């Protein structure tokens, strides 16, 4: 099976589609998973530590990253995520985003101590 078929939705991860790569810190407040014909993956909402009151979405089709996001939701531990902000983010469930959306390729889950 091709990588495109395994991941579902076609996502443009070029520098044009994703802004500069960043590392941001925050707490996961929601994880929503998708098993749709055109996308298998998840998004999570993250309250940013360094910008109080700001919430962003992170989008991934990587199961390992989804697992880390789910663990952060369950434990309340701080995370860092690595990726770029979409200029035109895909909407797996349809509709529109009300927050900035980042395509991520890394999650760091911190200890609660």
N, C-alpha and C. Protein backbone atom coordinates (compact mmCIF):
# COMPACT_ATOMS: atom_id res chain seq x y z
N UNK A 1 0.85 -1.18 0.00
CA UNK A 1 0.00 0.00 0.00
C UNK A 1 0.90 1.24 0.00
N UNK A 2 0.57 2.22 -0.78
CA UNK A 2 1.40 3.41 -0.86
C UNK A 2 1.29 4.25 0.40
N UNK A 3 2.32 5.05 0.66
CA UNK A 3 2.33 5.93 1.82
C UNK A 3 1.14 6.89 1.78
N UNK A 4 0.81 7.40 0.58
CA UNK A 4 -0.32 8.32 0.43
C UNK A 4 -1.62 7.65 0.86
N UNK A 5 -1.81 6.41 0.46
CA UNK A 5 -3.04 5.69 0.80
C UNK A 5 -3.10 5.38 2.29
N UNK A 6 -1.97 5.04 2.90
CA UNK A 6 -1.94 4.76 4.33
C UNK A 6 -2.27 6.00 5.15
N UNK A 7 -1.82 7.15 4.71
CA UNK A 7 -2.01 8.38 5.47
C UNK A 7 -3.32 9.06 5.15
N UNK A 8 -3.91 8.75 4.05
CA UNK A 8 -5.20 9.35 3.72
C UNK A 8 -5.06 10.67 2.99
N UNK A 9 -5.46 11.73 3.62
CA UNK A 9 -5.53 13.05 3.00
C UNK A 9 -4.19 13.49 2.44
N UNK A 10 -4.22 14.11 1.28
CA UNK A 10 -3.01 14.68 0.71
C UNK A 10 -2.75 16.01 1.40
N UNK A 11 -1.61 16.13 2.04
CA UNK A 11 -1.26 17.35 2.77
C UNK A 11 0.01 17.91 2.18
N UNK A 12 -0.04 19.16 1.76
CA UNK A 12 1.13 19.83 1.22
C UNK A 12 2.00 20.28 2.39
N UNK A 13 3.16 19.63 2.53
CA UNK A 13 4.06 19.98 3.64
C UNK A 13 5.27 20.78 3.15
N UNK A 14 5.12 21.42 2.02
CA UNK A 14 6.20 22.25 1.51
C UNK A 14 6.35 23.51 2.36
N UNK A 15 7.46 24.20 2.19
CA UNK A 15 7.70 25.45 2.93
C UNK A 15 6.59 26.46 2.65
N UNK A 16 6.01 26.42 1.44
CA UNK A 16 4.93 27.36 1.12
C UNK A 16 3.68 27.07 1.93
N UNK A 17 3.35 25.80 2.08
CA UNK A 17 2.13 25.42 2.80
C UNK A 17 2.31 25.53 4.31
N UNK A 18 3.48 25.15 4.79
CA UNK A 18 3.78 25.22 6.21
C UNK A 18 4.78 26.34 6.44
N UNK A 19 4.50 27.18 7.42
CA UNK A 19 5.42 28.25 7.74
C UNK A 19 6.73 27.70 8.27
N UNK A 20 7.57 28.58 8.73
CA UNK A 20 8.84 28.14 9.30
C UNK A 20 8.61 27.16 10.43
N UNK A 21 9.52 26.24 10.56
CA UNK A 21 9.45 25.24 11.63
C UNK A 21 9.62 25.92 12.98
N UNK A 22 8.75 25.57 13.92
CA UNK A 22 8.79 26.17 15.25
C UNK A 22 8.69 25.09 16.32
N UNK A 23 9.05 25.46 17.53
CA UNK A 23 8.82 24.62 18.71
C UNK A 23 8.01 25.46 19.69
N UNK A 24 6.82 24.99 20.04
CA UNK A 24 5.95 25.69 20.97
C UNK A 24 5.61 24.76 22.13
N UNK A 25 5.28 25.36 23.27
CA UNK A 25 5.02 24.61 24.48
C UNK A 25 3.60 24.85 24.96
N UNK A 26 2.97 23.83 25.55
CA UNK A 26 1.63 24.03 26.07
C UNK A 26 1.05 22.77 26.67
N UNK A 27 -0.24 22.83 26.96
CA UNK A 27 -0.97 21.71 27.55
C UNK A 27 -2.10 21.31 26.61
N UNK A 28 -2.23 20.01 26.39
CA UNK A 28 -3.27 19.46 25.52
C UNK A 28 -4.60 19.49 26.27
N UNK A 29 -5.63 20.06 25.63
CA UNK A 29 -6.94 20.13 26.27
C UNK A 29 -8.00 19.30 25.53
N UNK A 30 -7.67 18.79 24.35
CA UNK A 30 -8.61 17.98 23.57
C UNK A 30 -7.83 17.20 22.53
N UNK A 31 -8.23 15.96 22.30
CA UNK A 31 -7.71 15.16 21.19
C UNK A 31 -8.91 14.58 20.46
N UNK A 32 -8.96 14.78 19.15
CA UNK A 32 -10.04 14.23 18.33
C UNK A 32 -9.42 13.38 17.23
N UNK A 33 -9.80 12.12 17.18
CA UNK A 33 -9.27 11.21 16.18
C UNK A 33 -10.23 11.04 15.02
N UNK A 34 -9.66 10.72 13.86
CA UNK A 34 -10.45 10.56 12.64
C UNK A 34 -10.13 9.23 11.98
N UNK A 35 -11.15 8.55 11.52
CA UNK A 35 -11.00 7.37 10.67
C UNK A 35 -11.97 7.57 9.52
N UNK A 36 -11.62 8.51 8.67
CA UNK A 36 -12.46 8.89 7.54
C UNK A 36 -11.88 8.34 6.25
N UNK A 37 -12.68 8.26 5.19
CA UNK A 37 -12.15 7.76 3.92
C UNK A 37 -10.96 8.59 3.41
N UNK A 38 -10.94 9.90 3.70
CA UNK A 38 -9.86 10.73 3.18
C UNK A 38 -8.83 11.14 4.22
N UNK A 39 -8.98 10.72 5.49
CA UNK A 39 -7.98 11.07 6.51
C UNK A 39 -8.08 10.14 7.70
N UNK A 40 -6.94 9.60 8.09
CA UNK A 40 -6.82 8.85 9.34
C UNK A 40 -5.74 9.52 10.15
N UNK A 41 -6.10 10.03 11.31
CA UNK A 41 -5.16 10.73 12.16
C UNK A 41 -5.90 11.45 13.26
N UNK A 42 -5.33 12.55 13.73
CA UNK A 42 -5.98 13.28 14.81
C UNK A 42 -5.58 14.74 14.78
N UNK A 43 -6.36 15.53 15.53
CA UNK A 43 -5.91 16.88 15.86
C UNK A 43 -6.06 17.02 17.37
N UNK A 44 -5.25 17.88 17.92
CA UNK A 44 -5.33 18.19 19.35
C UNK A 44 -5.35 19.70 19.50
N UNK A 45 -6.06 20.17 20.50
CA UNK A 45 -6.02 21.58 20.86
C UNK A 45 -5.03 21.74 22.00
N UNK A 46 -4.18 22.76 21.88
CA UNK A 46 -3.12 22.99 22.86
C UNK A 46 -3.20 24.43 23.34
N UNK A 47 -3.25 24.63 24.66
CA UNK A 47 -3.16 25.98 25.22
C UNK A 47 -1.68 26.31 25.36
N UNK A 48 -1.26 27.38 24.74
CA UNK A 48 0.16 27.72 24.71
C UNK A 48 0.62 28.28 26.06
N UNK A 49 1.73 27.78 26.55
CA UNK A 49 2.29 28.21 27.82
C UNK A 49 2.78 29.64 27.77
N UNK A 50 3.44 30.01 26.67
CA UNK A 50 4.10 31.31 26.59
C UNK A 50 3.20 32.41 26.03
N UNK A 51 1.99 32.08 25.65
CA UNK A 51 1.00 33.06 25.19
C UNK A 51 -0.31 32.74 25.89
N UNK A 52 -0.45 33.18 27.15
CA UNK A 52 -1.64 32.82 27.93
C UNK A 52 -2.94 33.16 27.20
N UNK A 53 -3.87 32.21 27.24
CA UNK A 53 -5.17 32.40 26.60
C UNK A 53 -5.22 32.01 25.14
N UNK A 54 -4.07 31.71 24.53
CA UNK A 54 -4.05 31.34 23.11
C UNK A 54 -4.10 29.83 22.96
N UNK A 55 -5.02 29.37 22.09
CA UNK A 55 -5.17 27.95 21.79
C UNK A 55 -4.86 27.74 20.31
N UNK A 56 -4.11 26.68 20.01
CA UNK A 56 -3.81 26.32 18.63
C UNK A 56 -4.17 24.85 18.44
N UNK A 57 -4.29 24.44 17.20
CA UNK A 57 -4.54 23.04 16.86
C UNK A 57 -3.27 22.45 16.24
N UNK A 58 -3.02 21.20 16.57
CA UNK A 58 -1.93 20.46 15.92
C UNK A 58 -2.56 19.28 15.20
N UNK A 59 -2.09 18.99 14.01
CA UNK A 59 -2.67 17.96 13.14
C UNK A 59 -1.58 16.96 12.77
N UNK A 60 -1.90 15.66 12.94
CA UNK A 60 -0.94 14.62 12.58
C UNK A 60 -1.65 13.36 12.14
N UNK A 61 -0.99 12.61 11.29
CA UNK A 61 -1.46 11.28 10.90
C UNK A 61 -0.54 10.20 11.46
N UNK A 62 0.43 10.61 12.28
CA UNK A 62 1.38 9.68 12.88
C UNK A 62 0.81 9.12 14.18
N UNK A 63 0.64 7.80 14.26
CA UNK A 63 0.06 7.15 15.43
C UNK A 63 0.91 7.41 16.68
N UNK A 64 2.22 7.39 16.55
CA UNK A 64 3.09 7.60 17.71
C UNK A 64 2.92 9.00 18.29
N UNK A 65 2.75 9.98 17.43
CA UNK A 65 2.54 11.34 17.92
C UNK A 65 1.16 11.47 18.56
N UNK A 66 0.16 10.82 17.95
CA UNK A 66 -1.18 10.83 18.53
C UNK A 66 -1.14 10.22 19.93
N UNK A 67 -0.40 9.15 20.12
CA UNK A 67 -0.30 8.51 21.42
C UNK A 67 0.30 9.46 22.46
N UNK A 68 1.32 10.20 22.08
CA UNK A 68 1.92 11.16 23.01
C UNK A 68 0.93 12.27 23.35
N UNK A 69 0.16 12.74 22.37
CA UNK A 69 -0.84 13.77 22.63
C UNK A 69 -1.93 13.25 23.57
N UNK A 70 -2.35 12.00 23.38
CA UNK A 70 -3.36 11.41 24.25
C UNK A 70 -2.83 11.25 25.68
N UNK A 71 -1.56 10.87 25.81
CA UNK A 71 -0.95 10.75 27.13
C UNK A 71 -0.87 12.11 27.82
N UNK A 72 -0.51 13.14 27.06
CA UNK A 72 -0.46 14.49 27.63
C UNK A 72 -1.84 14.95 28.09
N UNK A 73 -2.88 14.60 27.35
CA UNK A 73 -4.24 14.94 27.74
C UNK A 73 -4.60 14.23 29.05
N UNK A 74 -4.25 12.95 29.15
CA UNK A 74 -4.60 12.16 30.32
C UNK A 74 -3.83 12.59 31.57
N UNK A 75 -2.59 13.03 31.40
CA UNK A 75 -1.74 13.35 32.56
C UNK A 75 -1.69 14.83 32.90
N UNK A 76 -2.01 15.68 31.92
CA UNK A 76 -1.88 17.13 32.14
C UNK A 76 -0.45 17.64 32.02
N UNK A 77 0.46 16.77 31.59
CA UNK A 77 1.86 17.17 31.47
C UNK A 77 2.08 18.15 30.33
N UNK A 78 3.09 18.98 30.47
CA UNK A 78 3.49 19.94 29.45
C UNK A 78 4.06 19.20 28.25
N UNK A 79 3.77 19.72 27.06
CA UNK A 79 4.38 19.19 25.84
C UNK A 79 5.09 20.31 25.10
N UNK A 80 5.98 19.91 24.22
CA UNK A 80 6.49 20.79 23.17
C UNK A 80 6.10 20.10 21.88
N UNK A 81 5.70 20.88 20.89
CA UNK A 81 5.46 20.28 19.58
C UNK A 81 6.31 21.01 18.56
N UNK A 82 6.70 20.25 17.54
CA UNK A 82 7.58 20.75 16.49
C UNK A 82 6.85 20.65 15.17
N UNK A 83 6.88 21.72 14.41
CA UNK A 83 6.23 21.70 13.11
C UNK A 83 6.09 23.09 12.55
N UNK A 84 5.26 23.21 11.54
CA UNK A 84 5.05 24.49 10.88
C UNK A 84 3.57 24.84 10.83
N UNK A 85 3.28 26.13 10.84
CA UNK A 85 1.89 26.59 10.78
C UNK A 85 1.41 26.52 9.34
N UNK A 86 0.22 25.94 9.15
CA UNK A 86 -0.37 25.86 7.82
C UNK A 86 -0.86 27.23 7.38
N UNK A 87 -0.67 27.51 6.09
CA UNK A 87 -1.26 28.72 5.52
C UNK A 87 -2.69 28.42 5.05
N UNK A 88 -2.95 27.17 4.68
CA UNK A 88 -4.28 26.75 4.25
C UNK A 88 -4.52 25.34 4.78
N UNK A 89 -4.86 25.22 6.08
CA UNK A 89 -4.91 23.89 6.70
C UNK A 89 -6.03 23.02 6.18
N UNK A 90 -5.76 21.72 6.04
CA UNK A 90 -6.83 20.79 5.67
C UNK A 90 -7.82 20.67 6.82
N UNK A 91 -9.06 20.36 6.51
CA UNK A 91 -10.09 20.16 7.53
C UNK A 91 -10.64 18.75 7.39
N UNK A 92 -10.06 17.80 8.14
CA UNK A 92 -10.46 16.40 7.98
C UNK A 92 -11.95 16.15 8.15
N UNK A 93 -12.60 16.85 9.06
CA UNK A 93 -14.03 16.65 9.28
C UNK A 93 -14.90 17.66 8.57
N UNK A 94 -14.31 18.48 7.71
CA UNK A 94 -15.04 19.54 7.03
C UNK A 94 -15.09 20.79 7.89
N UNK A 95 -15.73 21.80 7.41
CA UNK A 95 -15.84 23.06 8.15
C UNK A 95 -14.59 23.91 8.04
N UNK A 96 -14.42 24.78 9.00
CA UNK A 96 -13.25 25.66 9.02
C UNK A 96 -12.65 25.66 10.42
N UNK A 97 -11.40 26.03 10.50
CA UNK A 97 -10.70 26.13 11.78
C UNK A 97 -10.91 27.52 12.37
N UNK A 98 -11.08 27.60 13.67
CA UNK A 98 -11.19 28.88 14.36
C UNK A 98 -9.90 29.25 15.08
N UNK A 99 -8.86 28.43 14.90
CA UNK A 99 -7.56 28.65 15.54
C UNK A 99 -6.46 28.40 14.52
N UNK A 100 -5.24 28.81 14.84
CA UNK A 100 -4.10 28.49 13.98
C UNK A 100 -3.88 26.98 14.03
N UNK A 101 -3.46 26.40 12.89
CA UNK A 101 -3.25 24.96 12.80
C UNK A 101 -1.80 24.69 12.39
N UNK A 102 -1.18 23.78 13.13
CA UNK A 102 0.21 23.39 12.87
C UNK A 102 0.26 21.94 12.43
N UNK A 103 0.99 21.67 11.37
CA UNK A 103 1.30 20.30 10.97
C UNK A 103 2.53 19.90 11.76
N UNK A 104 2.43 18.85 12.56
CA UNK A 104 3.55 18.51 13.44
C UNK A 104 4.26 17.25 13.01
N UNK A 105 5.55 17.19 13.34
CA UNK A 105 6.34 16.00 13.08
C UNK A 105 7.14 15.61 14.32
N UNK A 106 6.80 16.23 15.44
CA UNK A 106 7.47 15.87 16.69
C UNK A 106 6.69 16.36 17.89
N UNK A 107 6.70 15.54 18.95
CA UNK A 107 6.11 15.90 20.23
C UNK A 107 7.07 15.48 21.32
N UNK A 108 7.30 16.36 22.27
CA UNK A 108 8.09 16.05 23.45
C UNK A 108 7.12 16.12 24.64
N UNK A 109 7.04 15.05 25.40
CA UNK A 109 6.17 15.00 26.55
C UNK A 109 7.04 15.08 27.79
N UNK A 110 6.81 16.11 28.60
CA UNK A 110 7.63 16.36 29.79
C UNK A 110 7.06 15.65 31.02
N UNK A 111 7.94 15.35 31.96
CA UNK A 111 7.56 14.79 33.25
C UNK A 111 6.81 15.85 34.03
N UNK A 112 5.93 15.43 34.92
CA UNK A 112 5.13 16.38 35.69
C UNK A 112 5.91 17.00 36.86
N UNK A 113 7.10 16.52 37.13
CA UNK A 113 7.90 17.04 38.27
C UNK A 113 8.59 18.31 37.91
